[in-house]
Amino acid sequence: MPDPIQGNQLRGHLETMVLAVLERGETHGFEILKRLEEQGCGLLRLKEGTVYPVLYRLEKLGLVTARWEAEDSSRRGPRRRNYKLTSKGKRQLAAGRESWAKFVSVVGAVMGGATA
């Protein structure tokens, strides 16, 4: 099995990947981290310290909104902050997917692999 991909290797693409996870619905940061790792077929190894700064940037740019969960005495642990994709975030995700397809096509052509 190939070596896992670390967060620093995703520079420039992690934001779009987080938006893609949020396209499936509102959720909290740790769940986003888990989904990224699951959907990465076991090849993504991300730390919370990688994902949360991305979420804060996306919120500052208006691509996601965030709200604190209501207190729930039946759930242990700290309150969670849930993130949701905005309309602007959906447009950015579409642009990110287009950019990624071009990137894969060009790199594939240069490396001698199949294009997208």
Protein backbone atom coordinates (compact mmCIF):
# COMPACT_ATOMS: atom_id res chain seq x y z
CA MET A 1 0.00 0.00 0.00
CA PRO A 2 1.34 3.48 -0.83
CA ASP A 3 2.46 5.86 1.90
CA PRO A 4 -0.36 7.93 3.43
CA ILE A 5 -0.92 11.47 2.16
CA GLN A 6 -0.32 14.09 4.84
CA GLY A 7 -2.17 17.39 5.16
CA ASN A 8 0.78 19.47 3.95
CA GLN A 9 0.76 17.55 0.64
CA LEU A 10 -2.79 18.74 -0.03
CA ARG A 11 -1.93 22.43 0.01
CA GLY A 12 -4.30 24.27 -2.29
CA HIS A 13 -6.74 21.37 -2.51
CA LEU A 14 -7.80 20.74 1.08
CA GLU A 15 -10.21 23.70 1.06
CA THR A 16 -12.08 22.25 -1.92
CA MET A 17 -12.10 18.80 -0.32
CA VAL A 18 -13.65 20.23 2.88
CA LEU A 19 -16.29 22.02 0.80
CA ALA A 20 -17.05 18.71 -0.94
CA VAL A 21 -17.61 17.00 2.42
CA LEU A 22 -19.93 19.81 3.51
CA GLU A 23 -21.90 19.48 0.27
CA ARG A 24 -23.32 16.30 1.81
CA GLY A 25 -24.70 18.24 4.77
CA GLU A 26 -23.93 20.26 7.87
CA THR A 27 -21.53 18.66 10.34
CA HIS A 28 -18.82 19.39 12.90
CA GLY A 29 -15.07 19.57 12.38
CA PHE A 30 -14.10 16.18 13.75
CA GLU A 31 -16.72 14.49 11.55
CA ILE A 32 -15.31 16.36 8.53
CA LEU A 33 -11.87 15.02 9.41
CA LYS A 34 -13.23 11.45 9.70
CA ARG A 35 -15.10 11.69 6.39
CA LEU A 36 -12.02 12.99 4.58
CA GLU A 37 -9.98 10.08 5.89
CA GLU A 38 -12.70 7.52 5.08
CA GLN A 39 -13.29 8.86 1.58
CA GLY A 40 -9.52 8.97 1.06
CA CYS A 41 -9.50 5.15 1.06
CA GLY A 42 -7.20 5.04 4.07
CA LEU A 43 -4.51 7.06 2.30
CA LEU A 44 -5.25 10.42 3.98
CA ARG A 45 -3.75 11.11 7.39
CA LEU A 46 -4.93 14.48 8.65
CA LYS A 47 -4.58 16.13 12.03
CA GLU A 48 -7.23 18.30 13.63
CA GLY A 49 -4.68 21.11 13.46
CA THR A 50 -4.86 20.86 9.67
CA VAL A 51 -8.63 20.92 9.25
CA TYR A 52 -9.71 23.58 11.74
CA PRO A 53 -7.63 26.43 10.26
CA VAL A 54 -9.15 25.56 6.87
CA LEU A 55 -12.65 25.77 8.36
CA TYR A 56 -11.88 29.16 9.94
CA ARG A 57 -10.56 30.47 6.59
CA LEU A 58 -13.62 29.18 4.74
CA GLU A 59 -15.89 30.85 7.29
CA LYS A 60 -14.00 34.15 7.03
CA LEU A 61 -14.39 34.02 3.23
CA GLY A 62 -18.14 33.40 3.54
CA LEU A 63 -17.92 29.93 1.97
CA VAL A 64 -19.28 28.23 5.08
CA THR A 65 -21.29 29.31 8.09
CA ALA A 66 -20.72 27.97 11.59
CA ARG A 67 -22.89 27.68 14.65
CA TRP A 68 -22.43 26.15 18.06
CA GLU A 69 -24.57 23.13 18.90
CA ALA A 70 -27.08 23.57 21.69
CA GLU A 71 -25.95 22.21 25.04
CA ASP A 72 -26.92 18.56 25.43
CA SER A 73 -26.54 17.04 28.88
CA SER A 74 -26.86 13.52 27.44
CA ARG A 75 -23.73 13.96 25.29
CA ARG A 76 -20.28 14.00 26.85
CA GLY A 77 -17.51 16.31 25.77
CA PRO A 78 -17.39 19.93 24.70
CA ARG A 79 -20.02 21.57 22.53
CA ARG A 80 -19.39 21.13 18.83
CA ARG A 81 -19.28 23.80 16.17
CA ASN A 82 -21.24 22.75 13.07
CA TYR A 83 -20.32 23.99 9.60
CA LYS A 84 -22.61 24.42 6.62
CA LEU A 85 -21.89 25.22 2.98
CA THR A 86 -23.18 28.60 1.74
CA SER A 87 -24.31 29.47 -1.79
CA LYS A 88 -20.96 31.17 -2.30
CA GLY A 89 -19.29 27.99 -1.04
CA LYS A 90 -21.22 25.90 -3.57
CA ARG A 91 -19.99 28.14 -6.39
CA GLN A 92 -16.43 27.89 -5.07
CA LEU A 93 -16.73 24.11 -4.91
CA ALA A 94 -17.83 23.98 -8.55
CA ALA A 95 -14.87 26.18 -9.53
CA GLY A 96 -12.54 24.01 -7.44
CA ARG A 97 -13.74 20.86 -9.15
CA GLU A 98 -13.17 22.44 -12.56
CA SER A 99 -9.69 23.57 -11.53
CA TRP A 100 -8.89 20.09 -10.20
CA ALA A 101 -10.00 18.43 -13.46
CA LYS A 102 -7.68 20.73 -15.43
CA PHE A 103 -4.83 20.05 -13.01
CA VAL A 104 -5.24 16.27 -13.28
CA SER A 105 -5.45 16.50 -17.07
CA VAL A 106 -2.26 18.54 -17.37
CA VAL A 107 -0.26 16.51 -14.85
CA GLY A 108 -1.49 13.28 -16.44
CA ALA A 109 -0.37 14.48 -19.86
CA VAL A 110 3.06 15.49 -18.58
CA MET A 111 3.54 12.30 -16.55
CA GLY A 112 2.32 10.07 -19.37
CA GLY A 113 -0.84 8.89 -17.63
CA ALA A 114 -4.46 9.03 -18.67
CA THR A 115 -6.18 12.40 -18.72
CA ALA A 116 -9.42 13.26 -16.94
